[in-house]
Amino acid sequence: MKQLWVTQRVDVVGSHAERRDGLDQRWVGFLASVGVLPVLVPNHLATVKEMAAHEAENISGLVLTGGNSLARYGGDALERDAVETWLLGHAISRRLPVVGVCRGMQLILDYFGTKLVRLEGYAGTSHALVAQDEKHRSSDTRTVTTYFNWGAKDVKLPMEVTAATGDGVAMAAAHKELPIYGQMWHPERETPISANDQWVWRKMWETRV
């Protein structure tokens, strides 16, 4: 199985005065279904840099998971922003495949200069995908459930939209040259697991520039 860095959300637990890193257990099942062994990343930048220095040869890619808004859009997980931004830059420098989900796609778009906008009606609702790209199987007819409040309609190069909603909100996007892909729906929450998502994710780990 491929070993991938997998980022985690920050949960603020007031009753214990703690900031906890967390990952939905459903991620483990989904990642196993696409041949991935997750290496969980803490939201502590100095430690992540040490991990990267010692595990570089064993890591085949990066997964940026969902949860937490980016700080510039009202989020309160600055430590996560720092970790994921550094990891994305590190993955790019090593030409590692990157997949971002929900917040992960938002971070990728933001990294490459796309401005996010506040959207209503996308948290906990279902949307039909309008295909714009065969390479990432987005042309398959399907409906997905989303959980986000921030998204984009005007996506800047080098990212290109590969699937959108009927009203033009980007639902998936890919880098023109690098193995970087984002999707706004959560594959780990789909029941049953989507064969489309599995196909795309497996193909990503086979790609290295």
N, C-alpha and C. Protein backbone atom coordinates (compact mmCIF):
# COMPACT_ATOMS: atom_id res chain seq x y z
N MET A 1 0.84 -1.20 0.00
CA MET A 1 0.00 0.00 0.00
C MET A 1 0.87 1.25 0.00
N LYS A 2 0.37 2.29 -0.64
CA LYS A 2 1.07 3.57 -0.66
C LYS A 2 0.91 4.27 0.70
N GLN A 3 2.00 4.86 1.19
CA GLN A 3 1.92 5.67 2.41
C GLN A 3 1.77 7.13 2.02
N LEU A 4 0.75 7.76 2.57
CA LEU A 4 0.48 9.17 2.27
C LEU A 4 0.35 9.96 3.55
N TRP A 5 0.85 11.19 3.51
CA TRP A 5 0.54 12.11 4.59
C TRP A 5 -0.93 12.47 4.51
N VAL A 6 -1.62 12.44 5.64
CA VAL A 6 -3.03 12.80 5.70
C VAL A 6 -3.20 13.83 6.81
N THR A 7 -3.72 14.99 6.45
CA THR A 7 -3.87 16.05 7.44
C THR A 7 -5.13 15.86 8.27
N GLN A 8 -5.20 16.58 9.38
CA GLN A 8 -6.31 16.45 10.31
C GLN A 8 -6.92 17.81 10.64
N ARG A 9 -8.19 17.76 11.03
CA ARG A 9 -8.87 18.99 11.42
C ARG A 9 -8.47 19.37 12.85
N VAL A 10 -8.75 20.61 13.22
CA VAL A 10 -8.56 21.08 14.60
C VAL A 10 -9.94 21.21 15.24
N ASP A 11 -10.14 20.51 16.34
CA ASP A 11 -11.38 20.61 17.10
C ASP A 11 -11.08 21.31 18.43
N VAL A 12 -11.83 22.35 18.72
CA VAL A 12 -11.66 23.08 19.98
C VAL A 12 -12.66 22.51 20.98
N VAL A 13 -12.14 21.93 22.05
CA VAL A 13 -12.98 21.29 23.07
C VAL A 13 -12.92 22.16 24.32
N GLY A 14 -13.91 23.02 24.45
CA GLY A 14 -13.91 23.98 25.55
C GLY A 14 -14.00 23.34 26.91
N SER A 15 -14.72 22.24 27.03
CA SER A 15 -14.89 21.60 28.34
C SER A 15 -13.58 21.08 28.91
N HIS A 16 -12.60 20.83 28.02
CA HIS A 16 -11.30 20.35 28.48
C HIS A 16 -10.17 21.36 28.19
N ALA A 17 -10.55 22.52 27.69
CA ALA A 17 -9.57 23.55 27.33
C ALA A 17 -8.49 22.97 26.43
N GLU A 18 -8.92 22.22 25.41
CA GLU A 18 -7.99 21.55 24.50
C GLU A 18 -8.27 21.91 23.05
N ARG A 19 -7.19 21.89 22.28
CA ARG A 19 -7.28 21.96 20.83
C ARG A 19 -6.81 20.59 20.33
N ARG A 20 -7.71 19.82 19.77
CA ARG A 20 -7.40 18.45 19.39
C ARG A 20 -7.32 18.29 17.88
N ASP A 21 -6.37 17.48 17.43
CA ASP A 21 -6.33 17.07 16.03
C ASP A 21 -7.24 15.86 15.89
N GLY A 22 -8.01 15.81 14.80
CA GLY A 22 -8.95 14.71 14.65
C GLY A 22 -9.19 14.36 13.20
N LEU A 23 -9.62 13.10 12.97
CA LEU A 23 -9.92 12.61 11.63
C LEU A 23 -11.11 11.66 11.74
N ASP A 24 -12.10 11.87 10.91
CA ASP A 24 -13.25 10.97 10.86
C ASP A 24 -12.77 9.54 10.60
N GLN A 25 -13.24 8.59 11.37
CA GLN A 25 -12.81 7.19 11.21
C GLN A 25 -13.16 6.64 9.84
N ARG A 26 -14.15 7.21 9.18
CA ARG A 26 -14.52 6.74 7.84
C ARG A 26 -13.40 6.95 6.83
N TRP A 27 -12.49 7.90 7.13
CA TRP A 27 -11.37 8.12 6.22
C TRP A 27 -10.50 6.87 6.09
N VAL A 28 -10.29 6.17 7.18
CA VAL A 28 -9.41 5.01 7.15
C VAL A 28 -9.96 3.95 6.20
N GLY A 29 -11.27 3.71 6.26
CA GLY A 29 -11.88 2.73 5.36
C GLY A 29 -11.79 3.15 3.91
N PHE A 30 -12.07 4.45 3.64
CA PHE A 30 -12.00 4.91 2.26
C PHE A 30 -10.57 4.81 1.73
N LEU A 31 -9.59 5.27 2.51
CA LEU A 31 -8.20 5.24 2.05
C LEU A 31 -7.73 3.81 1.82
N ALA A 32 -8.14 2.88 2.68
CA ALA A 32 -7.78 1.48 2.47
C ALA A 32 -8.35 0.97 1.16
N SER A 33 -9.54 1.45 0.79
CA SER A 33 -10.18 0.99 -0.44
C SER A 33 -9.47 1.48 -1.70
N VAL A 34 -8.62 2.49 -1.55
CA VAL A 34 -7.86 2.98 -2.71
C VAL A 34 -6.36 2.71 -2.55
N GLY A 35 -6.03 1.76 -1.66
CA GLY A 35 -4.64 1.32 -1.53
C GLY A 35 -3.73 2.27 -0.80
N VAL A 36 -4.28 2.99 0.20
CA VAL A 36 -3.50 3.99 0.91
C VAL A 36 -3.39 3.65 2.39
N LEU A 37 -2.16 3.75 2.90
CA LEU A 37 -1.90 3.64 4.34
C LEU A 37 -1.65 5.05 4.85
N PRO A 38 -2.56 5.61 5.68
CA PRO A 38 -2.41 7.00 6.10
C PRO A 38 -1.32 7.19 7.16
N VAL A 39 -0.53 8.23 6.96
CA VAL A 39 0.41 8.70 7.97
C VAL A 39 -0.16 10.03 8.47
N LEU A 40 -0.77 10.00 9.65
CA LEU A 40 -1.48 11.18 10.14
C LEU A 40 -0.52 12.29 10.53
N VAL A 41 -0.86 13.48 10.12
CA VAL A 41 0.00 14.65 10.32
C VAL A 41 -0.55 15.51 11.45
N PRO A 42 0.24 15.82 12.47
CA PRO A 42 -0.23 16.72 13.53
C PRO A 42 -0.19 18.17 13.06
N ASN A 43 -0.99 19.00 13.67
CA ASN A 43 -0.99 20.42 13.34
C ASN A 43 0.06 21.15 14.17
N HIS A 44 1.31 20.76 13.94
CA HIS A 44 2.45 21.35 14.63
C HIS A 44 3.59 21.40 13.61
N LEU A 45 3.86 22.61 13.10
CA LEU A 45 4.72 22.75 11.93
C LEU A 45 6.13 22.21 12.15
N ALA A 46 6.74 22.51 13.29
CA ALA A 46 8.11 22.04 13.52
C ALA A 46 8.19 20.52 13.47
N THR A 47 7.20 19.86 14.05
CA THR A 47 7.17 18.40 14.03
C THR A 47 6.96 17.86 12.62
N VAL A 48 6.10 18.52 11.87
CA VAL A 48 5.83 18.09 10.49
C VAL A 48 7.09 18.20 9.64
N LYS A 49 7.86 19.24 9.84
CA LYS A 49 9.11 19.38 9.10
C LYS A 49 10.08 18.26 9.44
N GLU A 50 10.12 17.88 10.71
CA GLU A 50 10.97 16.75 11.12
C GLU A 50 10.46 15.45 10.49
N MET A 51 9.16 15.25 10.47
CA MET A 51 8.59 14.08 9.83
C MET A 51 8.97 14.02 8.35
N ALA A 52 8.88 15.16 7.69
CA ALA A 52 9.21 15.20 6.27
C ALA A 52 10.67 14.87 6.03
N ALA A 53 11.54 15.32 6.93
CA ALA A 53 12.97 15.05 6.77
C ALA A 53 13.29 13.57 6.95
N HIS A 54 12.53 12.88 7.81
CA HIS A 54 12.85 11.49 8.12
C HIS A 54 12.03 10.48 7.32
N GLU A 55 10.87 10.90 6.79
CA GLU A 55 10.00 9.95 6.11
C GLU A 55 9.90 10.19 4.61
N ALA A 56 10.70 11.10 4.09
CA ALA A 56 10.55 11.54 2.71
C ALA A 56 10.49 10.39 1.70
N GLU A 57 11.37 9.42 1.85
CA GLU A 57 11.46 8.35 0.86
C GLU A 57 10.30 7.37 0.93
N ASN A 58 9.58 7.38 2.04
CA ASN A 58 8.48 6.43 2.22
C ASN A 58 7.12 7.00 1.83
N ILE A 59 7.05 8.30 1.60
CA ILE A 59 5.78 8.97 1.36
C ILE A 59 5.53 9.14 -0.14
N SER A 60 4.32 8.76 -0.56
CA SER A 60 3.99 8.80 -1.99
C SER A 60 3.02 9.91 -2.36
N GLY A 61 2.54 10.68 -1.39
CA GLY A 61 1.60 11.74 -1.73
C GLY A 61 1.04 12.39 -0.49
N LEU A 62 0.09 13.30 -0.71
CA LEU A 62 -0.49 14.11 0.37
C LEU A 62 -1.99 14.20 0.19
N VAL A 63 -2.73 14.01 1.28
CA VAL A 63 -4.18 14.21 1.30
C VAL A 63 -4.49 15.35 2.26
N LEU A 64 -5.13 16.38 1.75
CA LEU A 64 -5.57 17.52 2.56
C LEU A 64 -7.06 17.32 2.82
N THR A 65 -7.41 16.99 4.06
CA THR A 65 -8.78 16.63 4.38
C THR A 65 -9.64 17.87 4.68
N GLY A 66 -10.91 17.62 5.02
CA GLY A 66 -11.86 18.70 5.23
C GLY A 66 -11.90 19.19 6.67
N GLY A 67 -12.83 20.12 6.93
CA GLY A 67 -12.98 20.69 8.26
C GLY A 67 -12.18 21.97 8.43
N ASN A 68 -12.68 22.91 9.21
CA ASN A 68 -12.04 24.21 9.49
C ASN A 68 -11.98 25.09 8.24
N SER A 69 -12.49 26.30 8.35
CA SER A 69 -12.30 27.29 7.30
C SER A 69 -10.87 27.81 7.35
N LEU A 70 -10.36 28.26 6.22
CA LEU A 70 -9.07 28.93 6.21
C LEU A 70 -9.16 30.20 7.05
N ALA A 71 -8.06 30.54 7.70
CA ALA A 71 -8.08 31.69 8.62
C ALA A 71 -8.47 32.98 7.91
N ARG A 72 -8.03 33.16 6.68
CA ARG A 72 -8.36 34.40 5.99
C ARG A 72 -9.85 34.50 5.65
N TYR A 73 -10.57 33.38 5.81
CA TYR A 73 -12.01 33.38 5.58
C TYR A 73 -12.78 33.11 6.88
N GLY A 74 -12.18 33.49 8.00
CA GLY A 74 -12.88 33.43 9.26
C GLY A 74 -12.57 32.23 10.14
N GLY A 75 -11.71 31.32 9.69
CA GLY A 75 -11.36 30.15 10.48
C GLY A 75 -10.45 30.48 11.65
N ASP A 76 -10.38 29.55 12.61
CA ASP A 76 -9.58 29.80 13.81
C ASP A 76 -8.49 28.75 14.02
N ALA A 77 -8.06 28.10 12.93
CA ALA A 77 -7.04 27.06 13.02
C ALA A 77 -5.78 27.49 12.28
N LEU A 78 -5.16 28.54 12.79
CA LEU A 78 -3.95 29.07 12.14
C LEU A 78 -2.86 28.03 12.04
N GLU A 79 -2.75 27.16 13.06
CA GLU A 79 -1.70 26.15 13.03
C GLU A 79 -1.92 25.16 11.89
N ARG A 80 -3.17 24.88 11.58
CA ARG A 80 -3.45 23.98 10.47
C ARG A 80 -3.14 24.65 9.14
N ASP A 81 -3.49 25.92 9.00
CA ASP A 81 -3.15 26.65 7.78
C ASP A 81 -1.65 26.59 7.53
N ALA A 82 -0.87 26.79 8.58
CA ALA A 82 0.60 26.80 8.44
C ALA A 82 1.12 25.43 8.01
N VAL A 83 0.62 24.38 8.64
CA VAL A 83 1.07 23.02 8.32
C VAL A 83 0.70 22.65 6.89
N GLU A 84 -0.54 22.87 6.52
CA GLU A 84 -0.98 22.43 5.20
C GLU A 84 -0.37 23.26 4.08
N THR A 85 -0.20 24.54 4.30
CA THR A 85 0.45 25.37 3.28
C THR A 85 1.89 24.92 3.07
N TRP A 86 2.59 24.63 4.17
CA TRP A 86 3.97 24.16 4.04
C TRP A 86 4.01 22.80 3.35
N LEU A 87 3.13 21.89 3.74
CA LEU A 87 3.11 20.56 3.14
C LEU A 87 2.79 20.61 1.65
N LEU A 88 1.86 21.48 1.26
CA LEU A 88 1.53 21.62 -0.16
C LEU A 88 2.75 22.10 -0.93
N GLY A 89 3.44 23.10 -0.42
CA GLY A 89 4.66 23.57 -1.08
C GLY A 89 5.71 22.49 -1.15
N HIS A 90 5.85 21.72 -0.06
CA HIS A 90 6.83 20.63 -0.02
C HIS A 90 6.47 19.56 -1.05
N ALA A 91 5.19 19.20 -1.14
CA ALA A 91 4.76 18.19 -2.11
C ALA A 91 5.01 18.67 -3.54
N ILE A 92 4.75 19.94 -3.80
CA ILE A 92 5.00 20.48 -5.13
C ILE A 92 6.48 20.40 -5.48
N SER A 93 7.34 20.73 -4.52
CA SER A 93 8.78 20.71 -4.78
C SER A 93 9.28 19.30 -5.07
N ARG A 94 8.60 18.28 -4.52
CA ARG A 94 8.98 16.89 -4.75
C ARG A 94 8.15 16.22 -5.82
N ARG A 95 7.24 16.99 -6.43
CA ARG A 95 6.35 16.46 -7.47
C ARG A 95 5.50 15.30 -6.96
N LEU A 96 5.06 15.40 -5.71
CA LEU A 96 4.20 14.37 -5.14
C LEU A 96 2.74 14.64 -5.50
N PRO A 97 1.96 13.61 -5.75
CA PRO A 97 0.52 13.81 -5.98
C PRO A 97 -0.15 14.38 -4.73
N VAL A 98 -1.10 15.26 -4.95
CA VAL A 98 -1.85 15.90 -3.86
C VAL A 98 -3.34 15.82 -4.19
N VAL A 99 -4.14 15.40 -3.20
CA VAL A 99 -5.59 15.47 -3.35
C VAL A 99 -6.14 16.26 -2.17
N GLY A 100 -6.98 17.24 -2.46
CA GLY A 100 -7.61 18.05 -1.42
C GLY A 100 -9.11 17.85 -1.42
N VAL A 101 -9.70 17.70 -0.25
CA VAL A 101 -11.14 17.48 -0.12
C VAL A 101 -11.76 18.64 0.66
N CYS A 102 -12.78 19.26 0.08
CA CYS A 102 -13.52 20.35 0.72
C CYS A 102 -12.55 21.47 1.14
N ARG A 103 -12.25 21.61 2.41
CA ARG A 103 -11.26 22.61 2.82
C ARG A 103 -9.95 22.41 2.07
N GLY A 104 -9.59 21.14 1.83
CA GLY A 104 -8.35 20.85 1.11
C GLY A 104 -8.34 21.46 -0.27
N MET A 105 -9.46 21.36 -0.99
CA MET A 105 -9.54 22.00 -2.31
C MET A 105 -9.51 23.51 -2.16
N GLN A 106 -10.18 24.04 -1.12
CA GLN A 106 -10.15 25.48 -0.89
C GLN A 106 -8.72 25.96 -0.69
N LEU A 107 -7.94 25.21 0.09
CA LEU A 107 -6.55 25.60 0.34
C LEU A 107 -5.74 25.58 -0.95
N ILE A 108 -5.95 24.55 -1.77
CA ILE A 108 -5.24 24.47 -3.05
C ILE A 108 -5.59 25.66 -3.94
N LEU A 109 -6.87 25.95 -4.06
CA LEU A 109 -7.29 27.08 -4.89
C LEU A 109 -6.69 28.38 -4.37
N ASP A 110 -6.76 28.58 -3.05
CA ASP A 110 -6.22 29.79 -2.44
C ASP A 110 -4.71 29.88 -2.68
N TYR A 111 -4.02 28.76 -2.57
CA TYR A 111 -2.57 28.72 -2.76
C TYR A 111 -2.19 29.22 -4.16
N PHE A 112 -3.02 28.89 -5.15
CA PHE A 112 -2.72 29.26 -6.53
C PHE A 112 -3.46 30.53 -6.97
N GLY A 113 -3.99 31.29 -6.01
CA GLY A 113 -4.48 32.63 -6.33
C GLY A 113 -5.95 32.79 -6.59
N THR A 114 -6.75 31.74 -6.39
CA THR A 114 -8.20 31.88 -6.57
C THR A 114 -8.81 32.44 -5.29
N LYS A 115 -9.65 33.45 -5.43
CA LYS A 115 -10.34 34.02 -4.28
C LYS A 115 -11.63 33.25 -4.03
N LEU A 116 -11.84 32.82 -2.78
CA LEU A 116 -13.06 32.12 -2.41
C LEU A 116 -14.17 33.12 -2.10
N VAL A 117 -15.40 32.68 -2.28
CA VAL A 117 -16.55 33.52 -1.97
C VAL A 117 -17.49 32.75 -1.05
N ARG A 118 -18.24 33.50 -0.24
CA ARG A 118 -19.21 32.88 0.66
C ARG A 118 -20.40 32.38 -0.16
N LEU A 119 -20.80 31.13 0.11
CA LEU A 119 -21.89 30.53 -0.65
C LEU A 119 -22.97 30.02 0.31
N GLU A 120 -24.20 30.17 -0.08
CA GLU A 120 -25.33 29.67 0.71
C GLU A 120 -25.89 28.43 0.03
N GLY A 121 -26.37 27.50 0.83
CA GLY A 121 -27.04 26.33 0.30
C GLY A 121 -26.13 25.19 -0.10
N TYR A 122 -24.89 25.17 0.42
CA TYR A 122 -23.97 24.09 0.07
C TYR A 122 -23.53 23.28 1.29
N ALA A 123 -24.07 23.59 2.45
CA ALA A 123 -23.72 22.84 3.65
C ALA A 123 -24.82 21.83 3.94
N GLY A 124 -24.48 20.53 3.77
CA GLY A 124 -25.44 19.48 4.04
C GLY A 124 -26.50 19.32 2.98
N THR A 125 -26.18 19.69 1.74
CA THR A 125 -27.14 19.58 0.64
C THR A 125 -26.53 18.80 -0.52
N SER A 126 -27.38 18.29 -1.40
CA SER A 126 -26.92 17.48 -2.53
C SER A 126 -26.96 18.28 -3.83
N HIS A 127 -26.00 18.00 -4.70
CA HIS A 127 -25.89 18.75 -5.96
C HIS A 127 -25.46 17.83 -7.09
N ALA A 128 -26.06 18.03 -8.25
CA ALA A 128 -25.66 17.28 -9.43
C ALA A 128 -24.41 17.91 -10.02
N LEU A 129 -23.48 17.06 -10.46
CA LEU A 129 -22.25 17.54 -11.07
C LEU A 129 -22.45 17.75 -12.56
N VAL A 130 -21.90 18.84 -13.07
CA VAL A 130 -21.86 19.10 -14.50
C VAL A 130 -20.44 18.85 -14.95
N ALA A 131 -20.26 17.85 -15.82
CA ALA A 131 -18.92 17.42 -16.21
C ALA A 131 -18.22 18.43 -17.08
N GLN A 132 -16.92 18.60 -16.82
CA GLN A 132 -16.09 19.41 -17.69
C GLN A 132 -14.77 18.72 -18.02
N ASP A 133 -14.60 17.48 -17.58
CA ASP A 133 -13.31 16.83 -17.78
C ASP A 133 -13.47 15.31 -17.72
N GLU A 134 -13.03 14.63 -18.76
CA GLU A 134 -13.11 13.17 -18.81
C GLU A 134 -11.98 12.51 -18.04
N LYS A 135 -10.81 13.17 -18.01
CA LYS A 135 -9.62 12.59 -17.39
C LYS A 135 -9.89 12.18 -15.95
N HIS A 136 -10.62 13.00 -15.21
CA HIS A 136 -10.88 12.72 -13.81
C HIS A 136 -12.26 12.11 -13.59
N ARG A 137 -12.84 11.54 -14.65
CA ARG A 137 -14.11 10.84 -14.57
C ARG A 137 -15.26 11.73 -14.10
N SER A 138 -15.07 13.04 -14.16
CA SER A 138 -16.14 13.93 -13.72
C SER A 138 -17.30 13.91 -14.69
N SER A 139 -17.12 13.28 -15.85
CA SER A 139 -18.19 13.24 -16.83
C SER A 139 -19.27 12.23 -16.45
N ASP A 140 -18.98 11.35 -15.49
CA ASP A 140 -20.00 10.42 -15.03
C ASP A 140 -21.14 11.19 -14.36
N THR A 141 -22.37 10.83 -14.69
CA THR A 141 -23.52 11.48 -14.08
C THR A 141 -23.64 11.05 -12.63
N ARG A 142 -23.65 12.01 -11.72
CA ARG A 142 -23.77 11.67 -10.31
C ARG A 142 -24.19 12.88 -9.51
N THR A 143 -24.71 12.61 -8.32
CA THR A 143 -25.08 13.65 -7.37
C THR A 143 -24.27 13.43 -6.11
N VAL A 144 -23.74 14.51 -5.55
CA VAL A 144 -22.91 14.41 -4.34
C VAL A 144 -23.46 15.34 -3.28
N THR A 145 -23.16 15.02 -2.03
CA THR A 145 -23.56 15.86 -0.91
C THR A 145 -22.37 16.68 -0.45
N THR A 146 -22.59 17.96 -0.21
CA THR A 146 -21.50 18.86 0.15
C THR A 146 -21.73 19.46 1.53
N TYR A 147 -20.62 19.99 2.10
CA TYR A 147 -20.67 20.49 3.49
C TYR A 147 -19.87 21.79 3.63
N PHE A 148 -19.83 22.61 2.61
CA PHE A 148 -18.97 23.79 2.67
C PHE A 148 -19.77 25.09 2.61
N ASN A 149 -19.13 26.17 3.07
CA ASN A 149 -19.69 27.51 3.00
C ASN A 149 -18.88 28.44 2.12
N TRP A 150 -17.65 28.01 1.78
CA TRP A 150 -16.78 28.83 0.94
C TRP A 150 -16.41 28.04 -0.31
N GLY A 151 -16.47 28.71 -1.46
CA GLY A 151 -16.14 28.03 -2.70
C GLY A 151 -15.72 29.04 -3.75
N ALA A 152 -15.74 28.61 -5.02
CA ALA A 152 -15.28 29.49 -6.09
C ALA A 152 -16.05 29.21 -7.37
N LYS A 153 -16.26 30.26 -8.13
CA LYS A 153 -16.80 30.13 -9.48
C LYS A 153 -15.74 30.51 -10.51
N ASP A 154 -14.91 31.46 -10.16
CA ASP A 154 -13.86 31.93 -11.06
C ASP A 154 -12.53 31.33 -10.60
N VAL A 155 -12.13 30.21 -11.17
CA VAL A 155 -10.91 29.51 -10.77
C VAL A 155 -9.76 29.95 -11.67
N LYS A 156 -8.67 30.35 -11.04
CA LYS A 156 -7.53 30.87 -11.78
C LYS A 156 -6.55 29.76 -12.16
N LEU A 157 -5.92 29.94 -13.31
CA LEU A 157 -4.84 29.04 -13.72
C LEU A 157 -3.70 29.14 -12.72
N PRO A 158 -2.96 28.05 -12.48
CA PRO A 158 -2.91 26.81 -13.26
C PRO A 158 -3.95 25.78 -12.90
N MET A 159 -4.90 26.10 -12.01
CA MET A 159 -5.97 25.16 -11.70
C MET A 159 -7.09 25.32 -12.73
N GLU A 160 -7.69 24.20 -13.12
CA GLU A 160 -8.79 24.20 -14.07
C GLU A 160 -9.96 23.40 -13.49
N VAL A 161 -11.17 23.90 -13.69
CA VAL A 161 -12.37 23.22 -13.19
C VAL A 161 -12.60 21.94 -13.99
N THR A 162 -12.83 20.84 -13.27
CA THR A 162 -13.13 19.57 -13.93
C THR A 162 -14.57 19.13 -13.70
N ALA A 163 -15.25 19.72 -12.72
CA ALA A 163 -16.68 19.48 -12.50
C ALA A 163 -17.25 20.67 -11.75
N ALA A 164 -18.51 20.98 -12.02
CA ALA A 164 -19.16 22.13 -11.39
C ALA A 164 -20.63 21.83 -11.16
N THR A 165 -21.28 22.69 -10.40
CA THR A 165 -22.73 22.61 -10.27
C THR A 165 -23.37 23.35 -11.44
N GLY A 166 -24.67 23.22 -11.56
CA GLY A 166 -25.36 23.89 -12.65
C GLY A 166 -25.26 25.40 -12.60
N ASP A 167 -25.06 25.96 -11.40
CA ASP A 167 -24.92 27.41 -11.29
C ASP A 167 -23.47 27.87 -11.28
N GLY A 168 -22.55 26.96 -11.66
CA GLY A 168 -21.18 27.37 -11.90
C GLY A 168 -20.22 27.31 -10.75
N VAL A 169 -20.60 26.73 -9.62
CA VAL A 169 -19.67 26.59 -8.50
C VAL A 169 -18.73 25.42 -8.78
N ALA A 170 -17.43 25.68 -8.66
CA ALA A 170 -16.43 24.64 -8.92
C ALA A 170 -16.56 23.53 -7.89
N MET A 171 -16.73 22.30 -8.36
CA MET A 171 -16.85 21.15 -7.47
C MET A 171 -15.62 20.25 -7.52
N ALA A 172 -14.85 20.36 -8.57
CA ALA A 172 -13.58 19.63 -8.68
C ALA A 172 -12.66 20.44 -9.59
N ALA A 173 -11.37 20.35 -9.32
CA ALA A 173 -10.40 21.10 -10.11
C ALA A 173 -9.08 20.36 -10.12
N ALA A 174 -8.33 20.52 -11.20
CA ALA A 174 -7.03 19.86 -11.34
C ALA A 174 -6.00 20.85 -11.87
N HIS A 175 -4.76 20.65 -11.47
CA HIS A 175 -3.65 21.47 -11.95
C HIS A 175 -3.35 21.10 -13.40
N LYS A 176 -3.01 22.09 -14.21
CA LYS A 176 -2.76 21.84 -15.63
C LYS A 176 -1.56 20.94 -15.87
N GLU A 177 -0.57 21.00 -14.98
CA GLU A 177 0.67 20.27 -15.22
C GLU A 177 1.04 19.30 -14.11
N LEU A 178 0.76 19.65 -12.88
CA LEU A 178 1.17 18.84 -11.74
C LEU A 178 0.05 17.90 -11.29
N PRO A 179 0.38 16.80 -10.60
CA PRO A 179 -0.64 15.87 -10.12
C PRO A 179 -1.32 16.40 -8.86
N ILE A 180 -2.12 17.45 -9.04
CA ILE A 180 -2.83 18.08 -7.93
C ILE A 180 -4.30 18.15 -8.30
N TYR A 181 -5.14 17.62 -7.41
CA TYR A 181 -6.57 17.51 -7.70
C TYR A 181 -7.36 17.84 -6.43
N GLY A 182 -8.47 18.54 -6.60
CA GLY A 182 -9.33 18.84 -5.46
C GLY A 182 -10.78 18.55 -5.77
N GLN A 183 -11.53 18.15 -4.74
CA GLN A 183 -12.96 17.95 -4.89
C GLN A 183 -13.66 18.47 -3.66
N MET A 184 -14.86 19.03 -3.84
CA MET A 184 -15.56 19.68 -2.75
C MET A 184 -16.46 18.73 -1.95
N TRP A 185 -16.71 17.54 -2.44
CA TRP A 185 -17.49 16.56 -1.68
C TRP A 185 -16.56 15.60 -0.96
N HIS A 186 -17.09 14.97 0.09
CA HIS A 186 -16.29 14.07 0.93
C HIS A 186 -16.45 12.63 0.47
N PRO A 187 -15.43 12.02 -0.10
CA PRO A 187 -15.58 10.63 -0.57
C PRO A 187 -15.78 9.65 0.57
N GLU A 188 -15.25 9.97 1.75
CA GLU A 188 -15.37 9.06 2.89
C GLU A 188 -16.79 9.03 3.45
N ARG A 189 -17.61 10.01 3.09
CA ARG A 189 -18.98 10.06 3.60
C ARG A 189 -20.00 9.48 2.62
N GLU A 190 -19.55 9.16 1.42
CA GLU A 190 -20.46 8.60 0.42
C GLU A 190 -20.79 7.15 0.78
N THR A 191 -22.08 6.80 0.76
CA THR A 191 -22.51 5.44 1.07
C THR A 191 -23.41 4.93 -0.06
N PRO A 192 -22.99 3.86 -0.77
CA PRO A 192 -21.69 3.18 -0.62
C PRO A 192 -20.56 4.04 -1.19
N ILE A 193 -19.34 3.62 -0.94
CA ILE A 193 -18.19 4.34 -1.50
C ILE A 193 -18.31 4.39 -3.01
N SER A 194 -18.06 5.56 -3.58
CA SER A 194 -18.20 5.76 -5.01
C SER A 194 -17.05 5.11 -5.79
N ALA A 195 -17.41 4.26 -6.76
CA ALA A 195 -16.39 3.66 -7.62
C ALA A 195 -15.68 4.73 -8.43
N ASN A 196 -16.40 5.81 -8.75
CA ASN A 196 -15.79 6.94 -9.47
C ASN A 196 -14.66 7.55 -8.63
N ASP A 197 -14.96 7.85 -7.36
CA ASP A 197 -13.94 8.42 -6.48
C ASP A 197 -12.76 7.47 -6.34
N GLN A 198 -13.02 6.20 -6.17
CA GLN A 198 -11.95 5.22 -6.02
C GLN A 198 -11.05 5.21 -7.24
N TRP A 199 -11.63 5.27 -8.42
CA TRP A 199 -10.86 5.25 -9.66
C TRP A 199 -9.94 6.46 -9.74
N VAL A 200 -10.50 7.64 -9.47
CA VAL A 200 -9.72 8.88 -9.54
C VAL A 200 -8.57 8.85 -8.53
N TRP A 201 -8.87 8.46 -7.29
CA TRP A 201 -7.84 8.47 -6.26
C TRP A 201 -6.73 7.47 -6.55
N ARG A 202 -7.08 6.29 -7.03
CA ARG A 202 -6.03 5.31 -7.36
C ARG A 202 -5.14 5.83 -8.47
N LYS A 203 -5.75 6.46 -9.47
CA LYS A 203 -4.96 7.01 -10.58
C LYS A 203 -3.99 8.10 -10.11
N MET A 204 -4.41 8.87 -9.11
CA MET A 204 -3.54 9.94 -8.62
C MET A 204 -2.24 9.39 -8.06
N TRP A 205 -2.27 8.28 -7.35
CA TRP A 205 -1.05 7.76 -6.73
C TRP A 205 -0.15 7.07 -7.73
N GLU A 206 -0.69 6.80 -8.91
CA GLU A 206 0.15 6.22 -9.96
C GLU A 206 0.89 7.31 -10.73
N THR A 207 0.55 8.56 -10.42
CA THR A 207 1.10 9.68 -11.18
C THR A 207 2.20 10.38 -10.38
N ARG A 208 3.34 10.52 -11.00
CA ARG A 208 4.41 11.31 -10.39
C ARG A 208 5.22 11.94 -11.51
N VAL A 209 5.32 13.25 -11.49
CA VAL A 209 5.97 13.98 -12.58
C VAL A 209 7.47 13.90 -12.43
